[in-house]
Amino acid sequence: ATLEREDLIAALETLQIQNLLVVGS
Protein backbone atom coordinates (compact mmCIF):
# COMPACT_ATOMS: atom_id res chain seq x y z
CA ALA A 1 0.00 0.00 0.00
CA THR A 2 1.25 3.51 -0.86
CA LEU A 3 0.29 6.28 1.55
CA GLU A 4 1.38 9.61 2.96
CA ARG A 5 4.26 9.46 5.41
CA GLU A 6 2.18 11.04 8.16
CA ASP A 7 -0.07 7.97 8.06
CA LEU A 8 2.84 5.48 8.37
CA ILE A 9 2.67 4.88 12.13
CA ALA A 10 -1.10 4.39 12.07
CA ALA A 11 -0.67 1.76 9.32
CA LEU A 12 2.10 -0.06 11.20
CA GLU A 13 -0.03 -0.22 14.36
CA THR A 14 -2.56 -2.36 12.51
CA LEU A 15 0.13 -4.90 11.54
CA GLN A 16 1.55 -7.55 13.82
CA ILE A 17 5.28 -7.35 13.11
CA GLN A 18 8.51 -8.13 14.91
CA ASN A 19 11.02 -7.02 12.25
CA LEU A 20 10.79 -3.80 10.25
CA LEU A 21 13.10 -2.82 7.38
CA VAL A 22 13.13 0.86 6.42
CA VAL A 23 14.54 1.59 2.95
CA GLY A 24 15.53 4.92 1.45
CA SER A 25 15.61 7.02 4.63
mmCIF file of all heavy atoms, coordinates in Angstrom:
data_MODEL
# 
_entry.id   MODEL 
# 
loop_
_atom_site.group_PDB 
_atom_site.id 
_atom_site.type_symbol 
_atom_site.label_atom_id 
_atom_site.label_alt_id 
_atom_site.label_comp_id 
_atom_site.label_asym_id 
_atom_site.label_entity_id 
_atom_site.label_seq_id 
_atom_site.pdbx_PDB_ins_code 
_atom_site.Cartn_x 
_atom_site.Cartn_y 
_atom_site.Cartn_z 
_atom_site.occupancy 
_atom_site.B_iso_or_equiv 
_atom_site.pdbx_formal_charge 
_atom_site.auth_seq_id 
_atom_site.auth_comp_id 
_atom_site.auth_asym_id 
_atom_site.auth_atom_id 
_atom_site.pdbx_PDB_model_num 
ATOM 1   N N   . ALA A 1 1  ? 0.854  -1.186  0.000  1.00 0.00 ? 1  ALA A N   1 
ATOM 2   C CA  . ALA A 1 1  ? 0.000  0.000   0.000  1.00 0.00 ? 1  ALA A CA  1 
ATOM 3   C C   . ALA A 1 1  ? 0.887  1.233   0.000  1.00 0.00 ? 1  ALA A C   1 
ATOM 4   O O   . ALA A 1 1  ? 1.908  1.281   0.703  1.00 0.00 ? 1  ALA A O   1 
ATOM 5   C CB  . ALA A 1 1  ? -0.912 0.002   1.225  1.00 0.00 ? 1  ALA A CB  1 
ATOM 6   N N   . THR A 1 2  ? 0.516  2.242   -0.804 1.00 0.00 ? 2  THR A N   1 
ATOM 7   C CA  . THR A 1 2  ? 1.247  3.509   -0.861 1.00 0.00 ? 2  THR A CA  1 
ATOM 8   C C   . THR A 1 2  ? 0.407  4.579   -0.164 1.00 0.00 ? 2  THR A C   1 
ATOM 9   O O   . THR A 1 2  ? -0.774 4.744   -0.474 1.00 0.00 ? 2  THR A O   1 
ATOM 10  C CB  . THR A 1 2  ? 1.529  3.910   -2.317 1.00 0.00 ? 2  THR A CB  1 
ATOM 11  O OG1 . THR A 1 2  ? 2.306  2.886   -2.941 1.00 0.00 ? 2  THR A OG1 1 
ATOM 12  C CG2 . THR A 1 2  ? 2.286  5.222   -2.377 1.00 0.00 ? 2  THR A CG2 1 
ATOM 13  N N   . LEU A 1 3  ? 1.029  5.285   0.765  1.00 0.00 ? 3  LEU A N   1 
ATOM 14  C CA  . LEU A 1 3  ? 0.286  6.279   1.545  1.00 0.00 ? 3  LEU A CA  1 
ATOM 15  C C   . LEU A 1 3  ? 1.209  7.432   1.916  1.00 0.00 ? 3  LEU A C   1 
ATOM 16  O O   . LEU A 1 3  ? 2.423  7.400   1.661  1.00 0.00 ? 3  LEU A O   1 
ATOM 17  C CB  . LEU A 1 3  ? -0.318 5.622   2.800  1.00 0.00 ? 3  LEU A CB  1 
ATOM 18  C CG  . LEU A 1 3  ? 0.577  4.618   3.570  1.00 0.00 ? 3  LEU A CG  1 
ATOM 19  C CD1 . LEU A 1 3  ? 1.374  5.301   4.629  1.00 0.00 ? 3  LEU A CD1 1 
ATOM 20  C CD2 . LEU A 1 3  ? -0.290 3.515   4.153  1.00 0.00 ? 3  LEU A CD2 1 
ATOM 21  N N   . GLU A 1 4  ? 0.609  8.464   2.515  1.00 0.00 ? 4  GLU A N   1 
ATOM 22  C CA  . GLU A 1 4  ? 1.381  9.610   2.959  1.00 0.00 ? 4  GLU A CA  1 
ATOM 23  C C   . GLU A 1 4  ? 2.216  9.217   4.191  1.00 0.00 ? 4  GLU A C   1 
ATOM 24  O O   . GLU A 1 4  ? 1.809  8.374   4.997  1.00 0.00 ? 4  GLU A O   1 
ATOM 25  C CB  . GLU A 1 4  ? 0.446  10.766  3.310  1.00 0.00 ? 4  GLU A CB  1 
ATOM 26  C CG  . GLU A 1 4  ? -0.333 11.317  2.130  1.00 0.00 ? 4  GLU A CG  1 
ATOM 27  C CD  . GLU A 1 4  ? 0.571  11.906  1.057  1.00 0.00 ? 4  GLU A CD  1 
ATOM 28  O OE1 . GLU A 1 4  ? 1.575  12.561  1.417  1.00 0.00 ? 4  GLU A OE1 1 
ATOM 29  O OE2 . GLU A 1 4  ? 0.270  11.707  -0.136 1.00 0.00 ? 4  GLU A OE2 1 
ATOM 30  N N   . ARG A 1 5  ? 3.369  9.845   4.312  1.00 0.00 ? 5  ARG A N   1 
ATOM 31  C CA  . ARG A 1 5  ? 4.258  9.460   5.406  1.00 0.00 ? 5  ARG A CA  1 
ATOM 32  C C   . ARG A 1 5  ? 3.631  9.725   6.766  1.00 0.00 ? 5  ARG A C   1 
ATOM 33  O O   . ARG A 1 5  ? 3.881  8.982   7.719  1.00 0.00 ? 5  ARG A O   1 
ATOM 34  C CB  . ARG A 1 5  ? 5.591  10.199  5.268  1.00 0.00 ? 5  ARG A CB  1 
ATOM 35  C CG  . ARG A 1 5  ? 6.588  9.791   6.342  1.00 0.00 ? 5  ARG A CG  1 
ATOM 36  C CD  . ARG A 1 5  ? 7.986  10.209  6.042  1.00 0.00 ? 5  ARG A CD  1 
ATOM 37  N NE  . ARG A 1 5  ? 8.909  9.769   7.076  1.00 0.00 ? 5  ARG A NE  1 
ATOM 38  C CZ  . ARG A 1 5  ? 10.240 9.907   7.013  1.00 0.00 ? 5  ARG A CZ  1 
ATOM 39  N NH1 . ARG A 1 5  ? 10.782 10.486  5.938  1.00 0.00 ? 5  ARG A NH1 1 
ATOM 40  N NH2 . ARG A 1 5  ? 11.002 9.484   7.997  1.00 0.00 ? 5  ARG A NH2 1 
ATOM 41  N N   . GLU A 1 6  ? 2.799  10.730  6.876  1.00 0.00 ? 6  GLU A N   1 
ATOM 42  C CA  . GLU A 1 6  ? 2.177  11.044  8.163  1.00 0.00 ? 6  GLU A CA  1 
ATOM 43  C C   . GLU A 1 6  ? 1.235  9.951   8.634  1.00 0.00 ? 6  GLU A C   1 
ATOM 44  O O   . GLU A 1 6  ? 0.889  9.875   9.816  1.00 0.00 ? 6  GLU A O   1 
ATOM 45  C CB  . GLU A 1 6  ? 1.424  12.367  8.069  1.00 0.00 ? 6  GLU A CB  1 
ATOM 46  C CG  . GLU A 1 6  ? 0.320  12.361  7.024  1.00 0.00 ? 6  GLU A CG  1 
ATOM 47  C CD  . GLU A 1 6  ? -0.285 13.736  6.799  1.00 0.00 ? 6  GLU A CD  1 
ATOM 48  O OE1 . GLU A 1 6  ? 0.408  14.731  7.082  1.00 0.00 ? 6  GLU A OE1 1 
ATOM 49  O OE2 . GLU A 1 6  ? -1.442 13.785  6.362  1.00 0.00 ? 6  GLU A OE2 1 
ATOM 50  N N   . ASP A 1 7  ? 0.826  9.078   7.706  1.00 0.00 ? 7  ASP A N   1 
ATOM 51  C CA  . ASP A 1 7  ? -0.065 7.973   8.063  1.00 0.00 ? 7  ASP A CA  1 
ATOM 52  C C   . ASP A 1 7  ? 0.699  6.669   8.315  1.00 0.00 ? 7  ASP A C   1 
ATOM 53  O O   . ASP A 1 7  ? 0.079  5.617   8.530  1.00 0.00 ? 7  ASP A O   1 
ATOM 54  C CB  . ASP A 1 7  ? -1.088 7.735   6.954  1.00 0.00 ? 7  ASP A CB  1 
ATOM 55  C CG  . ASP A 1 7  ? -1.979 8.955   6.719  1.00 0.00 ? 7  ASP A CG  1 
ATOM 56  O OD1 . ASP A 1 7  ? -2.282 9.638   7.717  1.00 0.00 ? 7  ASP A OD1 1 
ATOM 57  O OD2 . ASP A 1 7  ? -2.342 9.221   5.556  1.00 0.00 ? 7  ASP A OD2 1 
ATOM 58  N N   . LEU A 1 8  ? 2.041  6.705   8.262  1.00 0.00 ? 8  LEU A N   1 
ATOM 59  C CA  . LEU A 1 8  ? 2.836  5.475   8.373  1.00 0.00 ? 8  LEU A CA  1 
ATOM 60  C C   . LEU A 1 8  ? 2.638  4.788   9.715  1.00 0.00 ? 8  LEU A C   1 
ATOM 61  O O   . LEU A 1 8  ? 2.383  3.581   9.780  1.00 0.00 ? 8  LEU A O   1 
ATOM 62  C CB  . LEU A 1 8  ? 4.326  5.799   8.150  1.00 0.00 ? 8  LEU A CB  1 
ATOM 63  C CG  . LEU A 1 8  ? 5.302  4.646   8.395  1.00 0.00 ? 8  LEU A CG  1 
ATOM 64  C CD1 . LEU A 1 8  ? 5.016  3.487   7.442  1.00 0.00 ? 8  LEU A CD1 1 
ATOM 65  C CD2 . LEU A 1 8  ? 6.748  5.113   8.227  1.00 0.00 ? 8  LEU A CD2 1 
ATOM 66  N N   . ILE A 1 9  ? 2.748  5.500   10.813 1.00 0.00 ? 9  ILE A N   1 
ATOM 67  C CA  . ILE A 1 9  ? 2.673  4.884   12.131 1.00 0.00 ? 9  ILE A CA  1 
ATOM 68  C C   . ILE A 1 9  ? 1.302  4.256   12.357 1.00 0.00 ? 9  ILE A C   1 
ATOM 69  O O   . ILE A 1 9  ? 1.185  3.154   12.900 1.00 0.00 ? 9  ILE A O   1 
ATOM 70  C CB  . ILE A 1 9  ? 2.979  5.915   13.231 1.00 0.00 ? 9  ILE A CB  1 
ATOM 71  C CG1 . ILE A 1 9  ? 4.375  6.519   13.003 1.00 0.00 ? 9  ILE A CG1 1 
ATOM 72  C CG2 . ILE A 1 9  ? 2.897  5.266   14.607 1.00 0.00 ? 9  ILE A CG2 1 
ATOM 73  C CD1 . ILE A 1 9  ? 5.482  5.512   12.964 1.00 0.00 ? 9  ILE A CD1 1 
ATOM 74  N N   . ALA A 1 10 ? 0.257  4.939   11.918 1.00 0.00 ? 10 ALA A N   1 
ATOM 75  C CA  . ALA A 1 10 ? -1.097 4.385   12.071 1.00 0.00 ? 10 ALA A CA  1 
ATOM 76  C C   . ALA A 1 10 ? -1.234 3.078   11.294 1.00 0.00 ? 10 ALA A C   1 
ATOM 77  O O   . ALA A 1 10 ? -1.886 2.129   11.763 1.00 0.00 ? 10 ALA A O   1 
ATOM 78  C CB  . ALA A 1 10 ? -2.124 5.405   11.599 1.00 0.00 ? 10 ALA A CB  1 
ATOM 79  N N   . ALA A 1 11 ? -0.600 2.990   10.102 1.00 0.00 ? 11 ALA A N   1 
ATOM 80  C CA  . ALA A 1 11 ? -0.668 1.760   9.319  1.00 0.00 ? 11 ALA A CA  1 
ATOM 81  C C   . ALA A 1 11 ? 0.121  0.640   9.985  1.00 0.00 ? 11 ALA A C   1 
ATOM 82  O O   . ALA A 1 11 ? -0.325 -0.527  10.007 1.00 0.00 ? 11 ALA A O   1 
ATOM 83  C CB  . ALA A 1 11 ? -0.138 2.023   7.908  1.00 0.00 ? 11 ALA A CB  1 
ATOM 84  N N   . LEU A 1 12 ? 1.277  0.968   10.558 1.00 0.00 ? 12 LEU A N   1 
ATOM 85  C CA  . LEU A 1 12 ? 2.098  -0.064  11.200 1.00 0.00 ? 12 LEU A CA  1 
ATOM 86  C C   . LEU A 1 12 ? 1.427  -0.605  12.459 1.00 0.00 ? 12 LEU A C   1 
ATOM 87  O O   . LEU A 1 12 ? 1.623  -1.774  12.823 1.00 0.00 ? 12 LEU A O   1 
ATOM 88  C CB  . LEU A 1 12 ? 3.483  0.492   11.544 1.00 0.00 ? 12 LEU A CB  1 
ATOM 89  C CG  . LEU A 1 12 ? 4.388  0.851   10.355 1.00 0.00 ? 12 LEU A CG  1 
ATOM 90  C CD1 . LEU A 1 12 ? 5.697  1.455   10.850 1.00 0.00 ? 12 LEU A CD1 1 
ATOM 91  C CD2 . LEU A 1 12 ? 4.659  -0.368  9.493  1.00 0.00 ? 12 LEU A CD2 1 
ATOM 92  N N   . GLU A 1 13 ? 0.638  0.227   13.148 1.00 0.00 ? 13 GLU A N   1 
ATOM 93  C CA  . GLU A 1 13 ? -0.035 -0.219  14.358 1.00 0.00 ? 13 GLU A CA  1 
ATOM 94  C C   . GLU A 1 13 ? -1.062 -1.311  14.074 1.00 0.00 ? 13 GLU A C   1 
ATOM 95  O O   . GLU A 1 13 ? -1.382 -2.116  14.959 1.00 0.00 ? 13 GLU A O   1 
ATOM 96  C CB  . GLU A 1 13 ? -0.708 0.971   15.054 1.00 0.00 ? 13 GLU A CB  1 
ATOM 97  C CG  . GLU A 1 13 ? 0.287  1.932   15.706 1.00 0.00 ? 13 GLU A CG  1 
ATOM 98  C CD  . GLU A 1 13 ? -0.405 3.134   16.316 1.00 0.00 ? 13 GLU A CD  1 
ATOM 99  O OE1 . GLU A 1 13 ? -1.622 3.300   16.053 1.00 0.00 ? 13 GLU A OE1 1 
ATOM 100 O OE2 . GLU A 1 13 ? 0.249  3.902   17.053 1.00 0.00 ? 13 GLU A OE2 1 
ATOM 101 N N   . THR A 1 14 ? -1.572 -1.329  12.868 1.00 0.00 ? 14 THR A N   1 
ATOM 102 C CA  . THR A 1 14 ? -2.557 -2.360  12.511 1.00 0.00 ? 14 THR A CA  1 
ATOM 103 C C   . THR A 1 14 ? -1.910 -3.685  12.129 1.00 0.00 ? 14 THR A C   1 
ATOM 104 O O   . THR A 1 14 ? -2.610 -4.687  11.957 1.00 0.00 ? 14 THR A O   1 
ATOM 105 C CB  . THR A 1 14 ? -3.426 -1.878  11.339 1.00 0.00 ? 14 THR A CB  1 
ATOM 106 O OG1 . THR A 1 14 ? -2.596 -1.684  10.181 1.00 0.00 ? 14 THR A OG1 1 
ATOM 107 C CG2 . THR A 1 14 ? -4.121 -0.566  11.687 1.00 0.00 ? 14 THR A CG2 1 
ATOM 108 N N   . LEU A 1 15 ? -0.585 -3.687  11.969 1.00 0.00 ? 15 LEU A N   1 
ATOM 109 C CA  . LEU A 1 15 ? 0.134  -4.895  11.540 1.00 0.00 ? 15 LEU A CA  1 
ATOM 110 C C   . LEU A 1 15 ? 0.832  -5.535  12.726 1.00 0.00 ? 15 LEU A C   1 
ATOM 111 O O   . LEU A 1 15 ? 1.363  -4.838  13.596 1.00 0.00 ? 15 LEU A O   1 
ATOM 112 C CB  . LEU A 1 15 ? 1.172  -4.551  10.466 1.00 0.00 ? 15 LEU A CB  1 
ATOM 113 C CG  . LEU A 1 15 ? 0.639  -3.821  9.220  1.00 0.00 ? 15 LEU A CG  1 
ATOM 114 C CD1 . LEU A 1 15 ? 1.807  -3.460  8.301  1.00 0.00 ? 15 LEU A CD1 1 
ATOM 115 C CD2 . LEU A 1 15 ? -0.379 -4.672  8.481  1.00 0.00 ? 15 LEU A CD2 1 
ATOM 116 N N   . GLN A 1 16 ? 0.836  -6.819  12.785 1.00 0.00 ? 16 GLN A N   1 
ATOM 117 C CA  . GLN A 1 16 ? 1.551  -7.552  13.822 1.00 0.00 ? 16 GLN A CA  1 
ATOM 118 C C   . GLN A 1 16 ? 2.937  -7.911  13.277 1.00 0.00 ? 16 GLN A C   1 
ATOM 119 O O   . GLN A 1 16 ? 3.080  -8.861  12.502 1.00 0.00 ? 16 GLN A O   1 
ATOM 120 C CB  . GLN A 1 16 ? 0.782  -8.814  14.227 1.00 0.00 ? 16 GLN A CB  1 
ATOM 121 C CG  . GLN A 1 16 ? -0.558 -8.518  14.887 1.00 0.00 ? 16 GLN A CG  1 
ATOM 122 C CD  . GLN A 1 16 ? -1.290 -9.794  15.283 1.00 0.00 ? 16 GLN A CD  1 
ATOM 123 O OE1 . GLN A 1 16 ? -0.865 -10.891 14.976 1.00 0.00 ? 16 GLN A OE1 1 
ATOM 124 N NE2 . GLN A 1 16 ? -2.392 -9.614  15.998 1.00 0.00 ? 16 GLN A NE2 1 
ATOM 125 N N   . ILE A 1 17 ? 3.930  -7.156  13.652 1.00 0.00 ? 17 ILE A N   1 
ATOM 126 C CA  . ILE A 1 17 ? 5.282  -7.351  13.115 1.00 0.00 ? 17 ILE A CA  1 
ATOM 127 C C   . ILE A 1 17 ? 6.294  -7.396  14.250 1.00 0.00 ? 17 ILE A C   1 
ATOM 128 O O   . ILE A 1 17 ? 6.081  -6.830  15.324 1.00 0.00 ? 17 ILE A O   1 
ATOM 129 C CB  . ILE A 1 17 ? 5.667  -6.222  12.134 1.00 0.00 ? 17 ILE A CB  1 
ATOM 130 C CG1 . ILE A 1 17 ? 5.598  -4.851  12.820 1.00 0.00 ? 17 ILE A CG1 1 
ATOM 131 C CG2 . ILE A 1 17 ? 4.778  -6.256  10.903 1.00 0.00 ? 17 ILE A CG2 1 
ATOM 132 C CD1 . ILE A 1 17 ? 6.065  -3.711  11.954 1.00 0.00 ? 17 ILE A CD1 1 
ATOM 133 N N   . GLN A 1 18 ? 7.390  -8.084  13.983 1.00 0.00 ? 18 GLN A N   1 
ATOM 134 C CA  . GLN A 1 18 ? 8.507  -8.131  14.913 1.00 0.00 ? 18 GLN A CA  1 
ATOM 135 C C   . GLN A 1 18 ? 9.779  -7.544  14.306 1.00 0.00 ? 18 GLN A C   1 
ATOM 136 O O   . GLN A 1 18 ? 10.670 -7.119  15.029 1.00 0.00 ? 18 GLN A O   1 
ATOM 137 C CB  . GLN A 1 18 ? 8.782  -9.580  15.353 1.00 0.00 ? 18 GLN A CB  1 
ATOM 138 C CG  . GLN A 1 18 ? 7.662  -10.190 16.186 1.00 0.00 ? 18 GLN A CG  1 
ATOM 139 C CD  . GLN A 1 18 ? 7.978  -11.610 16.583 1.00 0.00 ? 18 GLN A CD  1 
ATOM 140 O OE1 . GLN A 1 18 ? 8.872  -12.243 16.026 1.00 0.00 ? 18 GLN A OE1 1 
ATOM 141 N NE2 . GLN A 1 18 ? 7.243  -12.120 17.572 1.00 0.00 ? 18 GLN A NE2 1 
ATOM 142 N N   . ASN A 1 19 ? 9.857  -7.563  12.952 1.00 0.00 ? 19 ASN A N   1 
ATOM 143 C CA  . ASN A 1 19 ? 11.025 -7.020  12.249 1.00 0.00 ? 19 ASN A CA  1 
ATOM 144 C C   . ASN A 1 19 ? 10.548 -6.024  11.201 1.00 0.00 ? 19 ASN A C   1 
ATOM 145 O O   . ASN A 1 19 ? 9.653  -6.332  10.394 1.00 0.00 ? 19 ASN A O   1 
ATOM 146 C CB  . ASN A 1 19 ? 11.816 -8.135  11.569 1.00 0.00 ? 19 ASN A CB  1 
ATOM 147 C CG  . ASN A 1 19 ? 12.394 -9.122  12.563 1.00 0.00 ? 19 ASN A CG  1 
ATOM 148 O OD1 . ASN A 1 19 ? 13.348 -8.818  13.263 1.00 0.00 ? 19 ASN A OD1 1 
ATOM 149 N ND2 . ASN A 1 19 ? 11.789 -10.304 12.641 1.00 0.00 ? 19 ASN A ND2 1 
ATOM 150 N N   . LEU A 1 20 ? 11.163 -4.860  11.187 1.00 0.00 ? 20 LEU A N   1 
ATOM 151 C CA  . LEU A 1 20 ? 10.794 -3.798  10.248 1.00 0.00 ? 20 LEU A CA  1 
ATOM 152 C C   . LEU A 1 20 ? 12.057 -3.328  9.520  1.00 0.00 ? 20 LEU A C   1 
ATOM 153 O O   . LEU A 1 20 ? 13.054 -2.981  10.156 1.00 0.00 ? 20 LEU A O   1 
ATOM 154 C CB  . LEU A 1 20 ? 10.148 -2.631  10.987 1.00 0.00 ? 20 LEU A CB  1 
ATOM 155 C CG  . LEU A 1 20 ? 9.828  -1.391  10.135 1.00 0.00 ? 20 LEU A CG  1 
ATOM 156 C CD1 . LEU A 1 20 ? 8.774  -1.722  9.068  1.00 0.00 ? 20 LEU A CD1 1 
ATOM 157 C CD2 . LEU A 1 20 ? 9.370  -0.241  11.013 1.00 0.00 ? 20 LEU A CD2 1 
ATOM 158 N N   . LEU A 1 21 ? 11.995 -3.335  8.189  1.00 0.00 ? 21 LEU A N   1 
ATOM 159 C CA  . LEU A 1 21 ? 13.097 -2.822  7.380  1.00 0.00 ? 21 LEU A CA  1 
ATOM 160 C C   . LEU A 1 21 ? 12.662 -1.517  6.735  1.00 0.00 ? 21 LEU A C   1 
ATOM 161 O O   . LEU A 1 21 ? 11.648 -1.479  6.021  1.00 0.00 ? 21 LEU A O   1 
ATOM 162 C CB  . LEU A 1 21 ? 13.499 -3.831  6.294  1.00 0.00 ? 21 LEU A CB  1 
ATOM 163 C CG  . LEU A 1 21 ? 14.573 -3.372  5.313  1.00 0.00 ? 21 LEU A CG  1 
ATOM 164 C CD1 . LEU A 1 21 ? 15.895 -3.117  6.038  1.00 0.00 ? 21 LEU A CD1 1 
ATOM 165 C CD2 . LEU A 1 21 ? 14.768 -4.381  4.192  1.00 0.00 ? 21 LEU A CD2 1 
ATOM 166 N N   . VAL A 1 22 ? 13.419 -0.456  6.977  1.00 0.00 ? 22 VAL A N   1 
ATOM 167 C CA  . VAL A 1 22 ? 13.128 0.859   6.418  1.00 0.00 ? 22 VAL A CA  1 
ATOM 168 C C   . VAL A 1 22 ? 14.153 1.124   5.315  1.00 0.00 ? 22 VAL A C   1 
ATOM 169 O O   . VAL A 1 22 ? 15.369 1.092   5.565  1.00 0.00 ? 22 VAL A O   1 
ATOM 170 C CB  . VAL A 1 22 ? 13.189 1.949   7.494  1.00 0.00 ? 22 VAL A CB  1 
ATOM 171 C CG1 . VAL A 1 22 ? 12.889 3.315   6.884  1.00 0.00 ? 22 VAL A CG1 1 
ATOM 172 C CG2 . VAL A 1 22 ? 12.220 1.628   8.611  1.00 0.00 ? 22 VAL A CG2 1 
ATOM 173 N N   . VAL A 1 23 ? 13.678 1.418   4.117  1.00 0.00 ? 23 VAL A N   1 
ATOM 174 C CA  . VAL A 1 23 ? 14.541 1.586   2.948  1.00 0.00 ? 23 VAL A CA  1 
ATOM 175 C C   . VAL A 1 23 ? 14.403 3.005   2.415  1.00 0.00 ? 23 VAL A C   1 
ATOM 176 O O   . VAL A 1 23 ? 13.286 3.522   2.276  1.00 0.00 ? 23 VAL A O   1 
ATOM 177 C CB  . VAL A 1 23 ? 14.182 0.564   1.837  1.00 0.00 ? 23 VAL A CB  1 
ATOM 178 C CG1 . VAL A 1 23 ? 15.075 0.758   0.624  1.00 0.00 ? 23 VAL A CG1 1 
ATOM 179 C CG2 . VAL A 1 23 ? 14.299 -0.861  2.361  1.00 0.00 ? 23 VAL A CG2 1 
ATOM 180 N N   . GLY A 1 24 ? 15.537 3.627   2.108  1.00 0.00 ? 24 GLY A N   1 
ATOM 181 C CA  . GLY A 1 24 ? 15.531 4.921   1.447  1.00 0.00 ? 24 GLY A CA  1 
ATOM 182 C C   . GLY A 1 24 ? 15.706 6.094   2.372  1.00 0.00 ? 24 GLY A C   1 
ATOM 183 O O   . GLY A 1 24 ? 16.025 7.208   1.927  1.00 0.00 ? 24 GLY A O   1 
ATOM 184 N N   . SER A 1 25 ? 15.483 5.922   3.671  1.00 0.00 ? 25 SER A N   1 
ATOM 185 C CA  . SER A 1 25 ? 15.613 7.019   4.627  1.00 0.00 ? 25 SER A CA  1 
ATOM 186 C C   . SER A 1 25 ? 15.620 6.430   6.029  1.00 0.00 ? 25 SER A C   1 
ATOM 187 O O   . SER A 1 25 ? 15.606 5.195   6.196  1.00 0.00 ? 25 SER A O   1 
ATOM 188 C CB  . SER A 1 25 ? 14.470 8.028   4.461  1.00 0.00 ? 25 SER A CB  1 
ATOM 189 O OG  . SER A 1 25 ? 14.629 9.113   5.359  1.00 0.00 ? 25 SER A OG  1 
# 
